[in-house]
Amino acid sequence: MNEAKVVDTKPVVLELEAGTYYWCACGHSAKHPFCDGAHKGLGIAPLRFELTEAKKVALCACKRTASQPFCDGAHSKL
């Protein structure tokens, strides 16, 4: 499997509505932090996550978090 590309060294903070989302795990999406299908052939699949209510989230952009798709501060060790 390929290693995911670091997009940024800080999270993407967004206000999201309740619903289903697909977080880009490969770092190659043009619609980052969401998947656009750019992972095809890389061996890295997007992560489906669901929010049951509207909330502010910090989505990982360095792709090194242990709590995918949410930032856990792993970018501070890059």
Protein backbone atom coordinates (compact mmCIF):
# COMPACT_ATOMS: atom_id res chain seq x y z
CA MET A 1 0.00 0.00 0.00
CA ASN A 2 1.17 3.54 -0.75
CA GLU A 3 1.65 6.11 1.99
CA ALA A 4 -0.90 8.90 2.11
CA LYS A 5 0.18 12.36 0.95
CA VAL A 6 0.35 15.10 3.60
CA VAL A 7 -1.98 17.87 2.42
CA ASP A 8 -1.36 20.30 5.28
CA THR A 9 0.13 20.41 8.77
CA LYS A 10 -3.03 21.75 10.36
CA PRO A 11 -6.57 20.35 10.39
CA VAL A 12 -9.44 21.47 8.19
CA VAL A 13 -12.05 22.96 10.54
CA LEU A 14 -15.60 22.90 9.17
CA GLU A 15 -19.20 23.27 10.31
CA LEU A 16 -20.92 20.18 8.88
CA GLU A 17 -24.59 19.27 8.76
CA ALA A 18 -25.83 15.86 9.87
CA GLY A 19 -25.16 13.32 7.13
CA THR A 20 -22.74 10.88 5.58
CA TYR A 21 -19.32 12.02 4.38
CA TYR A 22 -16.31 10.38 2.72
CA TRP A 23 -12.99 11.67 4.07
CA CYS A 24 -10.04 11.58 1.69
CA ALA A 25 -7.50 9.22 3.26
CA CYS A 26 -4.98 9.33 0.41
CA GLY A 27 -4.33 13.09 0.24
CA HIS A 28 -4.74 13.28 -3.54
CA SER A 29 -8.33 14.57 -3.76
CA ALA A 30 -8.90 17.92 -5.45
CA LYS A 31 -11.92 18.30 -3.11
CA HIS A 32 -9.93 17.71 0.09
CA PRO A 33 -10.85 16.93 2.85
CA PHE A 34 -13.50 14.96 0.99
CA CYS A 35 -12.97 12.15 -1.51
CA ASP A 36 -13.21 12.75 -5.26
CA GLY A 37 -12.07 9.28 -6.37
CA ALA A 38 -8.38 10.21 -6.82
CA HIS A 39 -7.41 7.23 -4.61
CA LYS A 40 -8.11 4.70 -7.36
CA GLY A 41 -5.02 2.57 -7.92
CA LEU A 42 -3.29 3.81 -4.75
CA GLY A 43 -4.47 1.07 -2.38
CA ILE A 44 -5.91 3.65 0.02
CA ALA A 45 -9.69 3.88 0.39
CA PRO A 46 -11.69 6.87 1.67
CA LEU A 47 -13.22 6.67 5.12
CA ARG A 48 -16.99 6.90 5.41
CA PHE A 49 -18.18 8.75 8.50
CA GLU A 50 -21.56 9.90 9.68
CA LEU A 51 -22.67 12.79 11.82
CA THR A 52 -26.02 12.48 13.56
CA GLU A 53 -26.23 16.22 14.20
CA ALA A 54 -24.69 19.41 12.84
CA LYS A 55 -21.34 20.13 14.47
CA LYS A 56 -17.96 21.77 14.08
CA VAL A 57 -15.24 19.22 13.26
CA ALA A 58 -11.48 19.30 12.74
CA LEU A 59 -10.65 16.86 9.93
CA CYS A 60 -7.10 15.59 9.62
CA ALA A 61 -5.09 16.95 6.68
CA CYS A 62 -1.74 15.32 7.48
CA LYS A 63 -3.24 11.81 7.15
CA ARG A 64 -1.29 10.57 10.20
CA THR A 65 -4.07 10.76 12.82
CA ALA A 66 -4.91 7.68 14.86
CA SER A 67 -8.55 8.84 15.11
CA GLN A 68 -9.46 9.07 11.42
CA PRO A 69 -10.98 11.25 10.08
CA PHE A 70 -10.58 13.61 13.02
CA CYS A 71 -7.40 15.47 13.93
CA ASP A 72 -5.56 14.15 16.99
CA GLY A 73 -2.56 16.51 16.78
CA ALA A 74 -0.33 14.04 14.90
CA HIS A 75 0.66 16.89 12.54
CA SER A 76 2.70 18.44 15.36
CA LYS A 77 5.13 15.50 15.09
CA LEU A 78 5.85 15.96 11.37
